[in-house]
Protein backbone atom coordinates (compact mmCIF):
# COMPACT_ATOMS: atom_id res chain seq x y z
CA MET A 1 -84.68 29.43 -58.11
CA ILE A 2 -85.60 28.74 -54.49
CA ASN A 3 -86.10 25.05 -55.25
CA LYS A 4 -82.75 24.92 -57.01
CA LYS A 5 -80.93 26.36 -53.98
CA ARG A 6 -82.85 24.02 -51.70
CA ASN A 7 -81.86 21.01 -53.83
CA ILE A 8 -78.20 22.05 -53.82
CA ILE A 9 -78.25 22.28 -50.02
CA LEU A 10 -80.01 18.91 -49.70
CA PHE A 11 -77.59 17.21 -52.09
CA SER A 12 -74.63 18.66 -50.18
CA VAL A 13 -76.06 17.31 -46.92
CA LEU A 14 -76.67 13.89 -48.49
CA ALA A 15 -73.13 13.72 -49.91
CA LEU A 16 -71.64 14.55 -46.50
CA ALA A 17 -73.99 12.07 -44.82
CA LEU A 18 -72.91 9.33 -47.24
CA LEU A 19 -69.23 10.02 -46.52
CA PHE A 20 -69.87 10.09 -42.77
CA MET A 21 -71.85 6.80 -42.84
CA PHE A 22 -69.10 5.17 -44.90
CA PHE A 23 -66.46 6.00 -42.28
CA LEU A 24 -68.85 5.15 -39.43
CA ASP A 25 -69.58 1.73 -40.94
CA ILE A 26 -65.86 0.98 -41.10
CA SER A 27 -65.29 2.35 -37.60
CA LEU A 28 -68.01 0.44 -35.72
CA GLY A 29 -68.28 -3.27 -35.08
CA SER A 30 -67.26 -5.81 -32.47
CA ILE A 31 -64.09 -3.71 -32.15
CA THR A 32 -64.52 0.07 -32.35
CA ILE A 33 -61.78 1.77 -34.36
CA PRO A 34 -61.32 5.57 -34.04
CA PHE A 35 -62.18 7.70 -37.09
CA LYS A 36 -58.63 9.01 -37.21
CA GLU A 37 -57.22 5.49 -37.54
CA VAL A 38 -59.74 4.66 -40.27
CA TYR A 39 -58.81 7.81 -42.21
CA THR A 40 -55.09 7.09 -41.85
CA SER A 41 -55.48 3.51 -43.13
CA LEU A 42 -57.65 4.52 -46.09
CA THR A 43 -55.30 7.31 -47.19
CA GLY A 44 -52.23 5.08 -47.45
CA GLY A 45 -50.89 5.49 -43.92
CA HIS A 46 -50.56 2.91 -41.16
CA ALA A 47 -52.88 2.61 -38.17
CA SER A 48 -51.32 2.66 -34.71
CA LYS A 49 -52.31 -1.02 -34.32
CA SER A 50 -51.61 -3.56 -37.05
CA THR A 51 -54.76 -5.51 -36.10
CA TRP A 52 -56.90 -2.42 -36.75
CA GLU A 53 -55.34 -1.91 -40.16
CA TYR A 54 -55.89 -5.59 -41.04
CA ILE A 55 -59.55 -5.43 -39.99
CA ILE A 56 -60.14 -2.20 -41.93
CA ILE A 57 -58.52 -3.26 -45.21
CA ASN A 58 -59.56 -6.91 -45.28
CA TYR A 59 -62.99 -6.92 -43.69
CA ARG A 60 -64.72 -3.61 -43.13
CA LEU A 61 -63.70 -1.67 -46.24
CA PRO A 62 -64.90 -4.41 -48.65
CA LYS A 63 -68.17 -4.71 -46.70
CA ALA A 64 -68.77 -0.94 -46.70
CA ILE A 65 -68.13 -0.73 -50.46
CA THR A 66 -70.47 -3.68 -51.03
CA ALA A 67 -73.16 -1.99 -48.90
CA MET A 68 -72.95 1.16 -51.03
CA LEU A 69 -73.11 -0.76 -54.30
CA VAL A 70 -76.06 -2.85 -53.10
CA GLY A 71 -77.96 0.16 -51.76
CA VAL A 72 -77.43 2.28 -54.87
CA GLY A 73 -78.14 -0.56 -57.31
CA LEU A 74 -81.39 -1.69 -55.68
CA SER A 75 -82.65 1.86 -55.07
CA ILE A 76 -82.16 3.00 -58.66
CA SER A 77 -83.69 -0.19 -60.05
CA GLY A 78 -86.71 0.37 -57.78
CA LEU A 79 -87.10 3.92 -59.08
CA LEU A 80 -87.02 2.64 -62.67
CA MET A 81 -89.69 0.03 -62.03
CA GLN A 82 -92.02 2.37 -60.15
CA THR A 83 -91.89 4.86 -63.02
CA LEU A 84 -92.14 2.32 -65.84
CA PHE A 85 -95.18 0.58 -64.34
CA ARG A 86 -96.51 3.76 -62.67
CA ASN A 87 -96.99 1.66 -59.56
CA PRO A 88 -95.69 2.84 -56.14
CA LEU A 89 -95.53 -0.79 -54.95
CA ALA A 90 -93.25 -1.91 -57.77
CA GLY A 91 -89.69 -2.89 -56.84
CA PRO A 92 -86.67 -4.42 -58.56
CA ASP A 93 -88.10 -7.91 -58.00
CA VAL A 94 -91.33 -7.35 -59.96
CA LEU A 95 -89.77 -8.67 -63.18
CA GLY A 96 -89.02 -11.97 -61.48
CA LEU A 97 -85.24 -11.53 -61.62
CA SER A 98 -84.78 -12.16 -57.92
CA SER A 99 -87.12 -15.13 -58.18
CA GLY A 100 -85.02 -16.57 -60.99
CA ALA A 101 -81.85 -16.16 -58.92
CA ILE A 102 -83.51 -17.72 -55.86
CA LEU A 103 -84.77 -20.68 -57.90
CA ALA A 104 -81.33 -21.33 -59.42
CA VAL A 105 -79.63 -21.20 -56.00
CA ALA A 106 -82.37 -23.43 -54.53
CA ILE A 107 -81.76 -26.02 -57.26
CA VAL A 108 -78.01 -25.95 -56.49
CA ILE A 109 -78.32 -26.08 -52.69
CA LEU A 110 -81.56 -27.98 -52.12
CA GLY A 111 -81.26 -30.22 -55.18
CA ALA A 112 -77.61 -31.05 -54.57
CA GLY A 113 -78.44 -34.73 -54.01
CA PHE A 114 -79.59 -35.08 -57.62
CA LEU A 115 -76.38 -33.63 -59.08
CA PRO A 116 -73.15 -35.54 -59.90
CA THR A 117 -70.54 -35.35 -57.11
CA PHE A 118 -67.95 -33.35 -59.10
CA LEU A 119 -70.60 -30.84 -60.19
CA ASN A 120 -71.87 -30.67 -56.63
CA VAL A 121 -68.49 -29.58 -55.30
CA ILE A 122 -68.11 -26.87 -57.94
CA LEU A 123 -71.61 -25.41 -57.66
CA LEU A 124 -71.72 -25.40 -53.86
CA SER A 125 -68.62 -23.18 -53.68
CA PRO A 126 -69.20 -19.43 -53.17
CA TYR A 127 -68.48 -18.68 -56.83
CA GLY A 128 -70.69 -21.60 -57.85
CA ILE A 129 -73.65 -20.10 -56.01
CA VAL A 130 -72.92 -16.68 -57.56
CA PHE A 131 -72.79 -18.32 -60.99
CA ALA A 132 -76.10 -20.11 -60.38
CA SER A 133 -77.75 -16.92 -59.16
CA THR A 134 -76.45 -14.96 -62.16
CA LEU A 135 -77.57 -17.67 -64.57
CA GLY A 136 -81.06 -17.68 -63.04
CA SER A 137 -81.33 -13.89 -63.38
CA VAL A 138 -80.04 -13.93 -66.98
CA LEU A 139 -82.52 -16.63 -68.04
CA VAL A 140 -85.40 -14.65 -66.55
CA LEU A 141 -84.06 -11.50 -68.22
CA MET A 142 -84.12 -13.23 -71.60
CA LEU A 143 -87.69 -14.35 -70.92
CA VAL A 144 -88.78 -10.85 -69.87
CA LEU A 145 -87.15 -9.23 -72.92
CA LEU A 146 -88.87 -11.77 -75.17
CA VAL A 147 -92.22 -11.03 -73.52
CA ALA A 148 -91.57 -7.27 -73.72
CA GLN A 149 -91.07 -7.49 -77.48
CA ARG A 150 -94.32 -9.40 -77.99
CA LEU A 151 -96.58 -7.57 -75.52
CA ARG A 152 -97.56 -3.95 -76.09
CA ASN A 153 -99.15 -3.53 -72.67
CA THR A 154 -96.54 -2.74 -70.00
CA MET A 155 -98.86 -3.95 -67.22
CA ALA A 156 -98.94 -7.36 -68.89
CA ILE A 157 -95.17 -7.57 -68.40
CA LEU A 158 -95.69 -6.81 -64.70
CA ILE A 159 -98.24 -9.61 -64.45
CA VAL A 160 -95.86 -12.03 -66.20
CA GLY A 161 -93.14 -11.14 -63.71
CA LEU A 162 -95.45 -11.66 -60.74
CA MET A 163 -96.71 -14.98 -62.11
CA PHE A 164 -93.16 -16.18 -62.65
CA GLY A 165 -92.38 -15.22 -59.04
CA SER A 166 -95.30 -17.34 -57.84
CA PHE A 167 -94.19 -20.23 -60.04
CA THR A 168 -90.61 -20.17 -58.74
CA SER A 169 -91.85 -19.92 -55.13
CA ALA A 170 -93.85 -23.10 -55.69
CA ILE A 171 -90.81 -24.94 -57.10
CA VAL A 172 -88.65 -23.75 -54.20
CA GLY A 173 -91.37 -24.97 -51.82
CA VAL A 174 -91.28 -28.44 -53.38
CA LEU A 175 -87.46 -28.55 -53.16
CA THR A 176 -87.64 -27.40 -49.54
CA TYR A 177 -90.06 -30.20 -48.68
CA PHE A 178 -87.62 -32.88 -49.86
CA SER A 179 -84.43 -31.27 -48.49
CA SER A 180 -82.36 -32.15 -45.44
CA ALA A 181 -81.97 -29.89 -42.40
CA GLU A 182 -78.40 -29.00 -43.45
CA GLN A 183 -79.48 -27.99 -46.94
CA LEU A 184 -82.37 -25.93 -45.57
CA GLN A 185 -80.05 -24.13 -43.17
CA LYS A 186 -77.58 -23.22 -45.93
CA PHE A 187 -80.35 -21.99 -48.23
CA THR A 188 -81.94 -19.98 -45.41
CA PHE A 189 -78.62 -18.28 -44.62
CA TRP A 190 -78.19 -17.33 -48.28
CA SER A 191 -81.75 -16.00 -48.54
CA LEU A 192 -81.16 -13.71 -45.53
CA GLY A 193 -78.56 -11.80 -47.55
CA SER A 194 -74.97 -10.93 -46.73
CA LEU A 195 -72.66 -7.99 -47.42
CA GLY A 196 -69.51 -9.67 -46.15
CA ASN A 197 -67.25 -12.46 -47.37
CA LEU A 198 -66.77 -10.97 -50.84
CA SER A 199 -63.28 -10.96 -52.31
CA TRP A 200 -61.91 -7.90 -54.07
CA THR A 201 -62.40 -9.74 -57.37
CA SER A 202 -66.10 -10.24 -56.59
CA ILE A 203 -66.48 -6.62 -55.52
CA SER A 204 -64.80 -5.47 -58.75
CA ILE A 205 -67.24 -7.53 -60.85
CA LEU A 206 -70.18 -6.21 -58.85
CA ALA A 207 -68.91 -2.62 -59.21
CA VAL A 208 -68.60 -2.98 -63.00
CA CYS A 209 -72.13 -4.42 -63.29
CA VAL A 210 -73.68 -1.75 -61.05
CA SER A 211 -71.79 1.05 -62.84
CA PHE A 212 -73.00 -0.15 -66.23
CA GLY A 213 -76.56 -0.37 -64.93
CA LEU A 214 -76.31 3.14 -63.49
CA LEU A 215 -75.08 4.53 -66.81
CA LEU A 216 -78.01 2.94 -68.64
CA SER A 217 -80.36 4.33 -66.00
CA ALA A 218 -78.89 7.84 -66.29
CA SER A 219 -79.36 7.71 -70.06
CA SER A 220 -83.07 6.99 -69.45
CA ILE A 221 -83.81 10.09 -67.34
CA LYS A 222 -85.62 11.97 -70.15
CA PRO A 223 -87.69 8.91 -71.20
CA LEU A 224 -88.61 8.33 -67.54
CA ASN A 225 -89.89 11.91 -67.23
CA ALA A 226 -91.95 11.41 -70.38
CA LEU A 227 -93.38 8.13 -69.08
CA LEU A 228 -94.77 9.84 -65.98
CA LEU A 229 -97.74 11.10 -68.02
CA GLY A 230 -98.37 7.78 -69.71
CA GLU A 231 -97.41 5.82 -72.79
CA ASN A 232 -99.49 7.85 -75.26
CA TYR A 233 -98.05 11.16 -74.06
CA ALA A 234 -94.51 9.77 -74.29
CA LYS A 235 -95.14 8.65 -77.87
CA SER A 236 -96.61 12.04 -78.78
CA MET A 237 -93.32 13.61 -77.68
CA GLY A 238 -91.46 11.46 -80.20
CA LEU A 239 -90.18 8.88 -77.69
CA ASN A 240 -89.40 5.43 -79.06
CA TYR A 241 -91.42 3.77 -76.34
CA LYS A 242 -90.50 0.18 -77.14
CA LYS A 243 -86.77 0.94 -77.15
CA ALA A 244 -86.96 3.01 -73.96
CA ARG A 245 -88.87 0.24 -72.18
CA LEU A 246 -86.29 -2.37 -73.18
CA VAL A 247 -83.40 -0.16 -71.96
CA ILE A 248 -85.13 0.42 -68.61
CA ILE A 249 -85.85 -3.29 -68.17
CA PHE A 250 -82.28 -4.19 -69.14
CA ALA A 251 -80.81 -1.64 -66.72
CA THR A 252 -83.00 -2.93 -63.89
CA SER A 253 -82.02 -6.50 -64.72
CA ILE A 254 -78.31 -5.73 -64.53
CA LEU A 255 -78.64 -3.82 -61.25
CA ALA A 256 -80.99 -6.21 -59.44
CA GLY A 257 -79.49 -9.37 -60.92
CA SER A 258 -75.87 -8.56 -60.03
CA VAL A 259 -76.77 -7.47 -56.49
CA THR A 260 -78.81 -10.62 -55.87
CA ALA A 261 -76.02 -12.78 -57.26
CA PHE A 262 -73.36 -11.41 -54.92
CA ALA A 263 -75.32 -10.30 -51.84
CA GLY A 264 -78.44 -12.46 -51.94
CA PRO A 265 -82.02 -11.17 -51.99
CA ILE A 266 -82.20 -7.86 -50.07
CA ALA A 267 -85.69 -6.63 -49.13
CA PHE A 268 -87.17 -3.13 -48.71
CA ILE A 269 -84.37 -1.00 -50.21
CA GLY A 270 -85.57 -1.04 -53.83
CA LEU A 271 -89.19 -0.47 -52.84
CA ALA A 272 -88.87 2.20 -50.16
CA VAL A 273 -85.83 4.37 -50.96
CA PRO A 274 -87.38 5.99 -54.08
CA HIS A 275 -90.36 7.04 -51.93
CA ILE A 276 -88.06 8.59 -49.34
CA ALA A 277 -86.32 10.54 -52.12
CA LYS A 278 -89.64 11.74 -53.58
CA LEU A 279 -90.99 12.80 -50.20
CA THR A 280 -87.79 14.67 -49.33
CA PHE A 281 -87.32 16.57 -52.59
CA GLN A 282 -91.02 17.00 -53.46
CA THR A 283 -90.48 16.54 -57.19
CA SER A 284 -91.17 14.05 -59.96
CA ASN A 285 -88.21 15.21 -62.09
CA HIS A 286 -85.94 12.20 -62.53
CA ALA A 287 -82.88 14.40 -63.00
CA VAL A 288 -83.30 15.15 -59.28
CA LEU A 289 -84.81 11.81 -58.20
CA TYR A 290 -82.00 9.81 -59.79
CA TRP A 291 -79.29 11.42 -57.66
CA SER A 292 -81.37 11.70 -54.51
CA THR A 293 -82.21 7.98 -54.76
CA PHE A 294 -78.53 7.28 -55.43
CA PHE A 295 -77.41 9.01 -52.22
CA TYR A 296 -80.26 7.75 -50.06
CA GLY A 297 -79.67 4.17 -51.22
CA GLY A 298 -76.03 4.25 -50.14
CA ILE A 299 -76.77 6.03 -46.84
CA ILE A 300 -79.62 3.75 -45.76
CA MET A 301 -77.79 0.56 -46.70
CA LEU A 302 -74.71 1.65 -44.74
CA PHE A 303 -76.94 2.49 -41.78
CA CYS A 304 -78.57 -0.95 -41.96
CA ASP A 305 -75.13 -2.58 -42.10
CA ILE A 306 -74.08 -0.66 -38.98
CA ALA A 307 -77.27 -1.72 -37.18
CA SER A 308 -76.79 -5.36 -38.18
CA GLN A 309 -73.32 -5.45 -36.61
CA LEU A 310 -74.60 -4.51 -33.15
CA PRO A 311 -71.55 -2.35 -32.36
CA GLY A 312 -69.64 -3.59 -29.32
CA LEU A 313 -70.99 -7.16 -29.62
CA ASP A 314 -69.76 -10.19 -31.54
CA THR A 315 -73.23 -10.96 -32.92
CA THR A 316 -74.19 -9.98 -36.47
CA LEU A 317 -77.83 -9.98 -37.53
CA PRO A 318 -79.08 -10.87 -41.05
CA ILE A 319 -78.98 -7.76 -43.25
CA ASN A 320 -82.25 -8.71 -44.94
CA ALA A 321 -84.11 -8.59 -41.62
CA ILE A 322 -82.55 -5.25 -40.63
CA THR A 323 -83.50 -3.51 -43.89
CA SER A 324 -87.17 -4.38 -43.34
CA ILE A 325 -87.25 -3.72 -39.58
CA ILE A 326 -85.69 -0.28 -39.95
CA GLY A 327 -87.15 0.68 -43.31
CA ALA A 328 -90.84 -0.17 -43.06
CA PRO A 329 -91.64 2.12 -40.06
CA VAL A 330 -89.67 4.97 -41.64
CA VAL A 331 -91.71 4.82 -44.85
CA VAL A 332 -95.03 4.57 -42.94
CA TYR A 333 -94.03 7.60 -40.86
CA LEU A 334 -93.08 9.65 -43.94
CA LEU A 335 -96.30 8.71 -45.74
CA MET A 336 -98.38 9.79 -42.74
CA ARG A 337 -96.52 13.10 -42.63
CA LYS A 338 -97.32 13.64 -46.32
CA ARG A 339 -100.99 12.72 -46.60
CA ASN A 340 -101.23 14.10 -50.11
CA PHE A 341 -98.55 11.70 -51.36
CA GLN A 342 -99.48 10.05 -54.64
């Protein structure tokens, strides 16, 4: 009963923190906009300055929504992978989905000289890169699902994912060696990740993909709890292990693949946020961990977006660098506070 009251209080605090960070992210930037003006613009009113309203609706609101979707999607997918493989170092990229997306984008950007001119123009457009990234993730997903059906050992699937990641890194390295400085710069910028420059159409597609992945994840809460004690225990409880594993892998693929396609590879979030949720709530129950990871993912990603903007300055830092710089010390600190963490 005490834990239940404590969880309710913590969830209330997290919900308010998420709302506050959302408004703060929209408010801060090279131009600081008062909270009142942000609230007025978002509730259908008009800001006192037309430039503020334009900035809010066309730039900062889409970026804040993207940050929330990216944070939630990667965090939940990380939780799924850590439970499925019973490995605290597992993240959404362990299946090789991010590697597949990176390889596809590398072929488009770094191998552009080998493609026909008309195809070059199409694929090098923003939607072309998103398409390539999505295609790369989908192809790897098909490979992983095929492997999952043939291999009984879940750890073998993890090894296959890691080996595929090493293979794609080698191919990207070869493409990098033969690429021009301009191609390398464009690929580097993409690999650093970005939450901006997405149209409302792109955000809508991303939102649909993330929502579908979240629904699949929520439907797997009971199987995830059963998997905590191992495959044999889960089977003894009547769980269709093979089906549950495929659903979890598919949900992770949709979440991680869609985020990578639209925002690029984002580090740290999927690996670290589930640990922060576990250390805060002190439970292994996924009915609690699912929602705590959900809130923490959105909050931390919004905070990283705020930090990357360097409020008051025109400079914007790469979001991928910020997530690691801010996140890694936080996790180390929390782990040292909880020495009995397992």
